[in-house]
All heavy atoms as atom14 arrays in JSON, in Angstrom:
{
  "sequence": "LLPELIDSRKNSQPTLEQLFYDLLEALIDEDPAFAHKIEEHISNLED",
  "atom14_mask": [
    [1, 1, 1, 1, 1, 1, 1, 1, 0, 0, 0, 0, 0, 0],
    [1, 1, 1, 1, 1, 1, 1, 1, 0, 0, 0, 0, 0, 0],
    [1, 1, 1, 1, 1, 1, 1, 0, 0, 0, 0, 0, 0, 0],
    [1, 1, 1, 1, 1, 1, 1, 1, 1, 0, 0, 0, 0, 0],
    [1, 1, 1, 1, 1, 1, 1, 1, 0, 0, 0, 0, 0, 0],
    [1, 1, 1, 1, 1, 1, 1, 1, 0, 0, 0, 0, 0, 0],
    [1, 1, 1, 1, 1, 1, 1, 1, 0, 0, 0, 0, 0, 0],
    [1, 1, 1, 1, 1, 1, 0, 0, 0, 0, 0, 0, 0, 0],
    [1, 1, 1, 1, 1, 1, 1, 1, 1, 1, 1, 0, 0, 0],
    [1, 1, 1, 1, 1, 1, 1, 1, 1, 0, 0, 0, 0, 0],
    [1, 1, 1, 1, 1, 1, 1, 1, 0, 0, 0, 0, 0, 0],
    [1, 1, 1, 1, 1, 1, 0, 0, 0, 0, 0, 0, 0, 0],
    [1, 1, 1, 1, 1, 1, 1, 1, 1, 0, 0, 0, 0, 0],
    [1, 1, 1, 1, 1, 1, 1, 0, 0, 0, 0, 0, 0, 0],
    [1, 1, 1, 1, 1, 1, 1, 0, 0, 0, 0, 0, 0, 0],
    [1, 1, 1, 1, 1, 1, 1, 1, 0, 0, 0, 0, 0, 0],
    [1, 1, 1, 1, 1, 1, 1, 1, 1, 0, 0, 0, 0, 0],
    [1, 1, 1, 1, 1, 1, 1, 1, 1, 0, 0, 0, 0, 0],
    [1, 1, 1, 1, 1, 1, 1, 1, 0, 0, 0, 0, 0, 0],
    [1, 1, 1, 1, 1, 1, 1, 1, 1, 1, 1, 0, 0, 0],
    [1, 1, 1, 1, 1, 1, 1, 1, 1, 1, 1, 1, 0, 0],
    [1, 1, 1, 1, 1, 1, 1, 1, 0, 0, 0, 0, 0, 0],
    [1, 1, 1, 1, 1, 1, 1, 1, 0, 0, 0, 0, 0, 0],
    [1, 1, 1, 1, 1, 1, 1, 1, 0, 0, 0, 0, 0, 0],
    [1, 1, 1, 1, 1, 1, 1, 1, 1, 0, 0, 0, 0, 0],
    [1, 1, 1, 1, 1, 0, 0, 0, 0, 0, 0, 0, 0, 0],
    [1, 1, 1, 1, 1, 1, 1, 1, 0, 0, 0, 0, 0, 0],
    [1, 1, 1, 1, 1, 1, 1, 1, 0, 0, 0, 0, 0, 0],
    [1, 1, 1, 1, 1, 1, 1, 1, 0, 0, 0, 0, 0, 0],
    [1, 1, 1, 1, 1, 1, 1, 1, 1, 0, 0, 0, 0, 0],
    [1, 1, 1, 1, 1, 1, 1, 1, 0, 0, 0, 0, 0, 0],
    [1, 1, 1, 1, 1, 1, 1, 0, 0, 0, 0, 0, 0, 0],
    [1, 1, 1, 1, 1, 0, 0, 0, 0, 0, 0, 0, 0, 0],
    [1, 1, 1, 1, 1, 1, 1, 1, 1, 1, 1, 0, 0, 0],
    [1, 1, 1, 1, 1, 0, 0, 0, 0, 0, 0, 0, 0, 0],
    [1, 1, 1, 1, 1, 1, 1, 1, 1, 1, 0, 0, 0, 0],
    [1, 1, 1, 1, 1, 1, 1, 1, 1, 0, 0, 0, 0, 0],
    [1, 1, 1, 1, 1, 1, 1, 1, 0, 0, 0, 0, 0, 0],
    [1, 1, 1, 1, 1, 1, 1, 1, 1, 0, 0, 0, 0, 0],
    [1, 1, 1, 1, 1, 1, 1, 1, 1, 0, 0, 0, 0, 0],
    [1, 1, 1, 1, 1, 1, 1, 1, 1, 1, 0, 0, 0, 0],
    [1, 1, 1, 1, 1, 1, 1, 1, 0, 0, 0, 0, 0, 0],
    [1, 1, 1, 1, 1, 1, 0, 0, 0, 0, 0, 0, 0, 0],
    [1, 1, 1, 1, 1, 1, 1, 1, 0, 0, 0, 0, 0, 0],
    [1, 1, 1, 1, 1, 1, 1, 1, 0, 0, 0, 0, 0, 0],
    [1, 1, 1, 1, 1, 1, 1, 1, 1, 0, 0, 0, 0, 0],
    [1, 1, 1, 1, 1, 1, 1, 1, 0, 0, 0, 0, 0, 0]
  ],
  "atom14_positions": [
    [[-11.22, -3.63, -0.89], [-10.08, -2.76, -1.43], [-10.3, -2.48, -2.96], [-10.09, -1.36, -3.4], [-8.85, -3.51, -1.2], [-7.59, -2.94, -1.93], [-7.26, -1.5, -1.38], [-6.34, -3.85, -1.64], [0.0, 0.0, 0.0], [0.0, 0.0, 0.0], [0.0, 0.0, 0.0], [0.0, 0.0, 0.0], [0.0, 0.0, 0.0], [0.0, 0.0, 0.0]],
    [[-10.62, -3.53, -3.71], [-10.7, -3.41, -5.21], [-11.69, -2.39, -5.74], [-11.3, -1.58, -6.56], [-10.93, -4.79, -5.84], [-10.71, -4.86, -7.34], [-9.27, -4.5, -7.67], [-10.98, -6.35, -7.79], [0.0, 0.0, 0.0], [0.0, 0.0, 0.0], [0.0, 0.0, 0.0], [0.0, 0.0, 0.0], [0.0, 0.0, 0.0], [0.0, 0.0, 0.0]],
    [[-12.97, -2.39, -5.26], [-13.89, -1.41, -5.86], [-13.43, 0.03, -5.6], [-13.57, 0.84, -6.48], [-15.18, -1.72, -5.05], [-15.05, -3.17, -4.67], [-13.57, -3.35, -4.38], [0.0, 0.0, 0.0], [0.0, 0.0, 0.0], [0.0, 0.0, 0.0], [0.0, 0.0, 0.0], [0.0, 0.0, 0.0], [0.0, 0.0, 0.0], [0.0, 0.0, 0.0]],
    [[-12.95, 0.33, -4.41], [-12.44, 1.65, -4.16], [-11.28, 2.03, -5.02], [-11.2, 3.2, -5.54], [-12.0, 1.71, -2.63], [-11.58, 3.13, -2.18], [-11.1, 3.18, -0.77], [-11.53, 2.24, 0.0], [-10.45, 4.08, -0.38], [0.0, 0.0, 0.0], [0.0, 0.0, 0.0], [0.0, 0.0, 0.0], [0.0, 0.0, 0.0], [0.0, 0.0, 0.0]],
    [[-10.36, 1.07, -5.24], [-9.25, 1.35, -6.15], [-9.72, 1.59, -7.58], [-9.2, 2.58, -8.18], [-8.35, 0.13, -6.16], [-7.08, 0.22, -7.01], [-6.19, 1.24, -6.36], [-6.37, -1.14, -6.96], [0.0, 0.0, 0.0], [0.0, 0.0, 0.0], [0.0, 0.0, 0.0], [0.0, 0.0, 0.0], [0.0, 0.0, 0.0], [0.0, 0.0, 0.0]],
    [[-10.61, 0.8, -8.09], [-11.1, 1.01, -9.49], [-11.9, 2.36, -9.57], [-11.71, 3.13, -10.51], [-12.06, -0.13, -9.88], [-11.2, -1.42, -9.99], [-12.75, 0.12, -11.2], [-12.03, -2.69, -10.22], [0.0, 0.0, 0.0], [0.0, 0.0, 0.0], [0.0, 0.0, 0.0], [0.0, 0.0, 0.0], [0.0, 0.0, 0.0], [0.0, 0.0, 0.0]],
    [[-12.66, 2.65, -8.53], [-13.38, 3.93, -8.58], [-12.51, 5.13, -8.58], [-12.8, 6.18, -9.15], [-14.36, 3.97, -7.28], [-15.29, 5.21, -7.37], [-16.1, 5.26, -8.3], [-15.15, 6.06, -6.52], [0.0, 0.0, 0.0], [0.0, 0.0, 0.0], [0.0, 0.0, 0.0], [0.0, 0.0, 0.0], [0.0, 0.0, 0.0], [0.0, 0.0, 0.0]],
    [[-11.36, 5.09, -7.85], [-10.38, 6.15, -7.78], [-9.73, 6.49, -9.15], [-9.17, 7.53, -9.32], [-9.35, 5.88, -6.72], [-8.46, 4.87, -7.15], [0.0, 0.0, 0.0], [0.0, 0.0, 0.0], [0.0, 0.0, 0.0], [0.0, 0.0, 0.0], [0.0, 0.0, 0.0], [0.0, 0.0, 0.0], [0.0, 0.0, 0.0], [0.0, 0.0, 0.0]],
    [[-9.74, 5.44, -10.04], [-9.07, 5.63, -11.33], [-10.04, 5.76, -12.49], [-9.67, 5.75, -13.66], [-8.16, 4.43, -11.68], [-6.99, 4.34, -10.7], [-6.01, 5.39, -10.84], [-5.51, 5.55, -12.19], [-4.41, 4.93, -12.65], [-3.78, 4.17, -11.87], [-4.07, 5.07, -13.92], [0.0, 0.0, 0.0], [0.0, 0.0, 0.0], [0.0, 0.0, 0.0]],
    [[-11.38, 5.86, -12.24], [-12.31, 5.81, -13.26], [-12.25, 6.89, -14.27], [-12.69, 6.83, -15.41], [-13.77, 5.7, -12.69], [-14.19, 7.01, -11.9], [-15.57, 6.81, -11.29], [-15.95, 7.99, -10.54], [-17.33, 7.83, -9.9], [0.0, 0.0, 0.0], [0.0, 0.0, 0.0], [0.0, 0.0, 0.0], [0.0, 0.0, 0.0], [0.0, 0.0, 0.0]],
    [[-11.7, 8.1, -13.87], [-11.62, 9.21, -14.76], [-10.29, 9.27, -15.57], [-10.11, 10.2, -16.44], [-11.73, 10.53, -13.97], [-13.05, 10.68, -13.32], [-14.14, 10.3, -13.93], [-13.1, 11.26, -12.15], [0.0, 0.0, 0.0], [0.0, 0.0, 0.0], [0.0, 0.0, 0.0], [0.0, 0.0, 0.0], [0.0, 0.0, 0.0], [0.0, 0.0, 0.0]],
    [[-9.48, 8.26, -15.33], [-8.15, 8.28, -16.09], [-8.0, 7.17, -17.11], [-6.99, 6.91, -17.64], [-7.0, 8.15, -15.03], [-7.12, 6.93, -14.32], [0.0, 0.0, 0.0], [0.0, 0.0, 0.0], [0.0, 0.0, 0.0], [0.0, 0.0, 0.0], [0.0, 0.0, 0.0], [0.0, 0.0, 0.0], [0.0, 0.0, 0.0], [0.0, 0.0, 0.0]],
    [[-9.21, 6.51, -17.45], [-9.19, 5.44, -18.39], [-8.09, 4.45, -18.24], [-7.22, 4.21, -19.09], [-9.13, 6.06, -19.85], [-10.22, 7.03, -20.15], [-10.13, 7.57, -21.56], [-9.07, 7.63, -22.16], [-11.28, 8.0, -22.08], [0.0, 0.0, 0.0], [0.0, 0.0, 0.0], [0.0, 0.0, 0.0], [0.0, 0.0, 0.0], [0.0, 0.0, 0.0]],
    [[-8.08, 3.78, -17.05], [-7.02, 2.84, -16.78], [-7.1, 1.53, -17.63], [-8.21, 1.17, -18.04], [-7.22, 2.54, -15.33], [-8.65, 2.75, -15.11], [-9.12, 3.8, -15.98], [0.0, 0.0, 0.0], [0.0, 0.0, 0.0], [0.0, 0.0, 0.0], [0.0, 0.0, 0.0], [0.0, 0.0, 0.0], [0.0, 0.0, 0.0], [0.0, 0.0, 0.0]],
    [[-6.02, 0.9, -17.81], [-6.01, -0.38, -18.45], [-5.93, -1.52, -17.38], [-5.73, -1.19, -16.19], [-4.79, -0.54, -19.32], [-3.53, -0.49, -18.5], [-4.71, 0.5, -20.38], [0.0, 0.0, 0.0], [0.0, 0.0, 0.0], [0.0, 0.0, 0.0], [0.0, 0.0, 0.0], [0.0, 0.0, 0.0], [0.0, 0.0, 0.0], [0.0, 0.0, 0.0]],
    [[-6.04, -2.78, -17.8], [-6.0, -3.85, -16.83], [-4.65, -3.88, -16.13], [-4.56, -4.09, -14.89], [-6.22, -5.16, -17.5], [-7.63, -5.51, -18.04], [-7.62, -6.88, -18.79], [-8.69, -5.46, -16.97], [0.0, 0.0, 0.0], [0.0, 0.0, 0.0], [0.0, 0.0, 0.0], [0.0, 0.0, 0.0], [0.0, 0.0, 0.0], [0.0, 0.0, 0.0]],
    [[-3.58, -3.69, -16.87], [-2.26, -3.75, -16.29], [-2.02, -2.56, -15.31], [-1.31, -2.77, -14.31], [-1.17, -3.82, -17.36], [-1.14, -2.62, -18.24], [-0.11, -2.76, -19.38], [0.27, -3.93, -19.72], [0.27, -1.77, -19.98], [0.0, 0.0, 0.0], [0.0, 0.0, 0.0], [0.0, 0.0, 0.0], [0.0, 0.0, 0.0], [0.0, 0.0, 0.0]],
    [[-2.61, -1.44, -15.61], [-2.39, -0.32, -14.72], [-3.15, -0.59, -13.41], [-2.57, -0.24, -12.33], [-2.97, 0.96, -15.35], [-2.09, 1.49, -16.51], [-2.77, 2.65, -17.26], [-3.97, 2.77, -17.3], [-1.93, 3.53, -17.85], [0.0, 0.0, 0.0], [0.0, 0.0, 0.0], [0.0, 0.0, 0.0], [0.0, 0.0, 0.0], [0.0, 0.0, 0.0]],
    [[-4.35, -1.06, -13.45], [-5.1, -1.37, -12.25], [-4.43, -2.51, -11.45], [-4.47, -2.44, -10.23], [-6.53, -1.74, -12.61], [-7.41, -0.52, -13.02], [-8.7, -1.01, -13.6], [-7.66, 0.44, -11.88], [0.0, 0.0, 0.0], [0.0, 0.0, 0.0], [0.0, 0.0, 0.0], [0.0, 0.0, 0.0], [0.0, 0.0, 0.0], [0.0, 0.0, 0.0]],
    [[-3.85, -3.46, -12.15], [-3.21, -4.56, -11.41], [-1.94, -4.0, -10.67], [-1.72, -4.29, -9.52], [-2.82, -5.66, -12.4], [-2.35, -6.87, -11.73], [-3.13, -7.51, -10.72], [-1.05, -7.49, -12.02], [-2.68, -8.66, -10.14], [-0.7, -8.64, -11.4], [-1.44, -9.27, -10.47], [0.0, 0.0, 0.0], [0.0, 0.0, 0.0], [0.0, 0.0, 0.0]],
    [[-1.23, -3.14, -11.37], [-0.11, -2.47, -10.74], [-0.54, -1.64, -9.54], [0.11, -1.72, -8.45], [0.65, -1.62, -11.74], [1.57, -0.59, -11.18], [2.84, -1.02, -10.74], [1.22, 0.71, -10.99], [3.74, -0.16, -10.15], [2.09, 1.61, -10.45], [3.36, 1.25, -10.01], [4.23, 2.17, -9.44], [0.0, 0.0, 0.0], [0.0, 0.0, 0.0]],
    [[-1.57, -0.89, -9.72], [-2.13, -0.04, -8.63], [-2.46, -0.93, -7.42], [-2.23, -0.54, -6.28], [-3.35, 0.71, -9.08], [-2.96, 1.9, -9.95], [-1.83, 2.25, -10.07], [-3.9, 2.46, -10.61], [0.0, 0.0, 0.0], [0.0, 0.0, 0.0], [0.0, 0.0, 0.0], [0.0, 0.0, 0.0], [0.0, 0.0, 0.0], [0.0, 0.0, 0.0]],
    [[-3.07, -2.07, -7.64], [-3.46, -2.98, -6.6], [-2.21, -3.53, -5.87], [-2.11, -3.43, -4.63], [-4.22, -4.15, -7.12], [-4.54, -5.29, -6.11], [-5.43, -4.74, -4.99], [-5.2, -6.48, -6.77], [0.0, 0.0, 0.0], [0.0, 0.0, 0.0], [0.0, 0.0, 0.0], [0.0, 0.0, 0.0], [0.0, 0.0, 0.0], [0.0, 0.0, 0.0]],
    [[-1.21, -3.9, -6.6], [0.05, -4.34, -5.96], [0.67, -3.3, -5.12], [1.14, -3.49, -3.98], [1.05, -4.89, -7.01], [0.59, -6.13, -7.79], [1.66, -6.4, -8.9], [0.5, -7.29, -6.94], [0.0, 0.0, 0.0], [0.0, 0.0, 0.0], [0.0, 0.0, 0.0], [0.0, 0.0, 0.0], [0.0, 0.0, 0.0], [0.0, 0.0, 0.0]],
    [[0.66, -2.06, -5.65], [1.26, -0.97, -4.9], [0.46, -0.71, -3.62], [1.01, -0.41, -2.59], [1.27, 0.35, -5.76], [2.39, 0.31, -6.79], [3.73, 0.56, -6.15], [3.92, 1.53, -5.36], [4.67, -0.25, -6.41], [0.0, 0.0, 0.0], [0.0, 0.0, 0.0], [0.0, 0.0, 0.0], [0.0, 0.0, 0.0], [0.0, 0.0, 0.0]],
    [[-0.88, -0.76, -3.73], [-1.75, -0.5, -2.6], [-1.49, -1.51, -1.45], [-1.61, -1.23, -0.26], [-3.18, -0.6, -2.99], [0.0, 0.0, 0.0], [0.0, 0.0, 0.0], [0.0, 0.0, 0.0], [0.0, 0.0, 0.0], [0.0, 0.0, 0.0], [0.0, 0.0, 0.0], [0.0, 0.0, 0.0], [0.0, 0.0, 0.0], [0.0, 0.0, 0.0]],
    [[-1.1, -2.77, -1.86], [-0.93, -3.8, -0.85], [0.34, -3.56, 0.03], [0.46, -4.07, 1.1], [-0.73, -5.16, -1.59], [-2.02, -5.68, -2.28], [-1.74, -7.01, -2.99], [-3.22, -5.8, -1.31], [0.0, 0.0, 0.0], [0.0, 0.0, 0.0], [0.0, 0.0, 0.0], [0.0, 0.0, 0.0], [0.0, 0.0, 0.0], [0.0, 0.0, 0.0]],
    [[1.28, -2.8, -0.55], [2.52, -2.55, 0.23], [2.69, -1.03, 0.62], [3.73, -0.65, 1.13], [3.73, -2.97, -0.53], [3.91, -2.23, -1.89], [3.73, -4.53, -0.79], [5.22, -2.5, -2.57], [0.0, 0.0, 0.0], [0.0, 0.0, 0.0], [0.0, 0.0, 0.0], [0.0, 0.0, 0.0], [0.0, 0.0, 0.0], [0.0, 0.0, 0.0]],
    [[1.65, -0.25, 0.35], [1.74, 1.23, 0.56], [2.18, 1.58, 2.02], [2.91, 2.51, 2.22], [0.39, 1.85, 0.15], [0.5, 3.36, 0.17], [1.45, 3.95, -0.45], [-0.34, 4.0, 0.82], [0.0, 0.0, 0.0], [0.0, 0.0, 0.0], [0.0, 0.0, 0.0], [0.0, 0.0, 0.0], [0.0, 0.0, 0.0], [0.0, 0.0, 0.0]],
    [[1.57, 0.88, 2.94], [1.86, 1.15, 4.33], [2.97, 0.37, 4.96], [3.3, 0.49, 6.16], [0.55, 0.95, 5.18], [-0.65, 1.81, 4.73], [-1.86, 1.47, 5.54], [-1.84, 0.56, 6.37], [-2.94, 2.18, 5.27], [0.0, 0.0, 0.0], [0.0, 0.0, 0.0], [0.0, 0.0, 0.0], [0.0, 0.0, 0.0], [0.0, 0.0, 0.0]],
    [[3.64, -0.44, 4.15], [4.65, -1.33, 4.73], [5.89, -0.64, 5.31], [6.39, -1.12, 6.33], [5.05, -2.34, 3.68], [3.96, -3.44, 3.54], [2.76, -3.06, 3.55], [4.26, -4.58, 3.3], [0.0, 0.0, 0.0], [0.0, 0.0, 0.0], [0.0, 0.0, 0.0], [0.0, 0.0, 0.0], [0.0, 0.0, 0.0], [0.0, 0.0, 0.0]],
    [[6.4, 0.46, 4.71], [7.58, 1.07, 5.25], [7.27, 1.56, 6.73], [8.05, 1.4, 7.62], [7.82, 2.26, 4.33], [7.35, 1.85, 3.01], [6.07, 0.98, 3.37], [0.0, 0.0, 0.0], [0.0, 0.0, 0.0], [0.0, 0.0, 0.0], [0.0, 0.0, 0.0], [0.0, 0.0, 0.0], [0.0, 0.0, 0.0], [0.0, 0.0, 0.0]],
    [[6.08, 2.2, 6.94], [5.76, 2.62, 8.29], [5.56, 1.43, 9.19], [5.88, 1.52, 10.38], [4.46, 3.43, 8.21], [0.0, 0.0, 0.0], [0.0, 0.0, 0.0], [0.0, 0.0, 0.0], [0.0, 0.0, 0.0], [0.0, 0.0, 0.0], [0.0, 0.0, 0.0], [0.0, 0.0, 0.0], [0.0, 0.0, 0.0], [0.0, 0.0, 0.0]],
    [[4.99, 0.31, 8.7], [4.79, -0.85, 9.47], [6.14, -1.42, 9.96], [6.34, -1.74, 11.19], [4.01, -1.89, 8.68], [3.81, -3.16, 9.36], [3.02, -3.29, 10.46], [4.36, -4.37, 8.81], [2.89, -4.55, 11.15], [4.2, -5.55, 9.39], [3.4, -5.68, 10.55], [0.0, 0.0, 0.0], [0.0, 0.0, 0.0], [0.0, 0.0, 0.0]],
    [[7.1, -1.52, 9.03], [8.4, -2.01, 9.4], [9.15, -1.1, 10.41], [9.8, -1.59, 11.32], [9.23, -2.15, 8.11], [0.0, 0.0, 0.0], [0.0, 0.0, 0.0], [0.0, 0.0, 0.0], [0.0, 0.0, 0.0], [0.0, 0.0, 0.0], [0.0, 0.0, 0.0], [0.0, 0.0, 0.0], [0.0, 0.0, 0.0], [0.0, 0.0, 0.0]],
    [[8.97, 0.23, 10.21], [9.55, 1.18, 11.13], [8.97, 0.94, 12.51], [9.7, 1.09, 13.56], [9.3, 2.57, 10.67], [9.89, 3.66, 11.54], [11.19, 3.8, 11.7], [9.29, 4.54, 12.32], [11.5, 4.84, 12.54], [10.36, 5.26, 12.93], [0.0, 0.0, 0.0], [0.0, 0.0, 0.0], [0.0, 0.0, 0.0], [0.0, 0.0, 0.0]],
    [[7.69, 0.72, 12.64], [7.06, 0.52, 13.93], [7.61, -0.77, 14.65], [7.84, -0.72, 15.84], [5.53, 0.33, 13.7], [4.69, 0.26, 14.97], [3.23, 0.34, 14.67], [2.42, 0.28, 15.95], [0.97, 0.25, 15.62], [0.0, 0.0, 0.0], [0.0, 0.0, 0.0], [0.0, 0.0, 0.0], [0.0, 0.0, 0.0], [0.0, 0.0, 0.0]],
    [[7.86, -1.8, 13.87], [8.43, -3.01, 14.47], [9.87, -2.71, 14.98], [10.25, -3.11, 16.07], [8.49, -4.1, 13.44], [7.03, -4.55, 13.1], [9.26, -5.33, 13.97], [6.99, -5.63, 12.03], [0.0, 0.0, 0.0], [0.0, 0.0, 0.0], [0.0, 0.0, 0.0], [0.0, 0.0, 0.0], [0.0, 0.0, 0.0], [0.0, 0.0, 0.0]],
    [[10.64, -1.95, 14.22], [12.02, -1.59, 14.63], [12.01, -0.76, 15.89], [12.8, -0.97, 16.75], [12.68, -0.85, 13.48], [13.02, -1.68, 12.24], [13.59, -0.86, 11.14], [13.54, 0.41, 11.26], [14.02, -1.42, 10.15], [0.0, 0.0, 0.0], [0.0, 0.0, 0.0], [0.0, 0.0, 0.0], [0.0, 0.0, 0.0], [0.0, 0.0, 0.0]],
    [[11.07, 0.15, 15.96], [10.95, 0.98, 17.18], [10.6, 0.12, 18.35], [11.16, 0.36, 19.47], [9.91, 2.08, 17.01], [10.28, 3.26, 16.17], [9.32, 4.35, 16.21], [8.06, 4.14, 16.42], [9.74, 5.55, 16.07], [0.0, 0.0, 0.0], [0.0, 0.0, 0.0], [0.0, 0.0, 0.0], [0.0, 0.0, 0.0], [0.0, 0.0, 0.0]],
    [[9.75, -0.83, 18.22], [9.4, -1.77, 19.31], [10.62, -2.47, 19.78], [10.88, -2.54, 21.01], [8.35, -2.77, 18.83], [7.68, -3.54, 19.96], [6.82, -4.54, 19.73], [7.88, -3.51, 21.29], [6.52, -5.07, 20.91], [7.05, -4.42, 21.86], [0.0, 0.0, 0.0], [0.0, 0.0, 0.0], [0.0, 0.0, 0.0], [0.0, 0.0, 0.0]],
    [[11.42, -3.0, 18.9], [12.65, -3.74, 19.29], [13.61, -2.8, 20.0], [14.25, -3.15, 21.0], [13.34, -4.32, 18.02], [12.46, -5.5, 17.53], [14.71, -4.93, 18.41], [12.96, -6.11, 16.23], [0.0, 0.0, 0.0], [0.0, 0.0, 0.0], [0.0, 0.0, 0.0], [0.0, 0.0, 0.0], [0.0, 0.0, 0.0], [0.0, 0.0, 0.0]],
    [[13.74, -1.62, 19.4], [14.64, -0.62, 20.02], [14.31, -0.21, 21.48], [15.11, -0.13, 22.33], [14.69, 0.64, 19.13], [15.57, 1.63, 19.68], [0.0, 0.0, 0.0], [0.0, 0.0, 0.0], [0.0, 0.0, 0.0], [0.0, 0.0, 0.0], [0.0, 0.0, 0.0], [0.0, 0.0, 0.0], [0.0, 0.0, 0.0], [0.0, 0.0, 0.0]],
    [[12.96, -0.12, 21.69], [12.41, 0.22, 23.03], [12.74, -0.91, 24.04], [13.09, -0.64, 25.08], [10.96, 0.49, 22.98], [10.6, 1.84, 22.27], [11.45, 2.72, 22.16], [9.4, 1.92, 21.75], [0.0, 0.0, 0.0], [0.0, 0.0, 0.0], [0.0, 0.0, 0.0], [0.0, 0.0, 0.0], [0.0, 0.0, 0.0], [0.0, 0.0, 0.0]],
    [[12.58, -2.11, 23.53], [12.87, -3.25, 24.43], [14.37, -3.32, 24.79], [14.74, -3.58, 25.92], [12.45, -4.59, 23.74], [10.9, -4.81, 23.58], [10.69, -6.11, 22.74], [10.28, -4.93, 24.96], [0.0, 0.0, 0.0], [0.0, 0.0, 0.0], [0.0, 0.0, 0.0], [0.0, 0.0, 0.0], [0.0, 0.0, 0.0], [0.0, 0.0, 0.0]],
    [[15.24, -3.04, 23.78], [16.63, -2.98, 24.05], [17.07, -1.93, 24.95], [17.9, -2.09, 25.85], [17.36, -2.94, 22.69], [17.25, -4.18, 21.87], [17.86, -4.01, 20.43], [17.97, -2.84, 19.98], [18.17, -5.02, 19.83], [0.0, 0.0, 0.0], [0.0, 0.0, 0.0], [0.0, 0.0, 0.0], [0.0, 0.0, 0.0], [0.0, 0.0, 0.0]],
    [[16.36, -0.75, 24.9], [16.69, 0.31, 25.76], [16.34, -0.03, 27.19], [16.95, 0.38, 28.15], [15.82, 1.57, 25.35], [16.35, 2.25, 24.15], [17.49, 1.96, 23.74], [15.62, 3.04, 23.51], [0.0, 0.0, 0.0], [0.0, 0.0, 0.0], [0.0, 0.0, 0.0], [0.0, 0.0, 0.0], [0.0, 0.0, 0.0], [0.0, 0.0, 0.0]]
  ]
}
C-alpha cells in the first residue's frame, strides 16, 4: 500500500503529515461500502 500511495503524491510535494493522513484515509476508504454489504446480508437473512 505505502509505495503506491507515496508515488501517487510525488508531484504535489507532500509533507510527512500529509502522507500519514493519506494513509489513514486509504485504510478506511472502502469501509462505508463494506458496512453496507454487511447490512444487506443481515437484511436478506431477515427477509
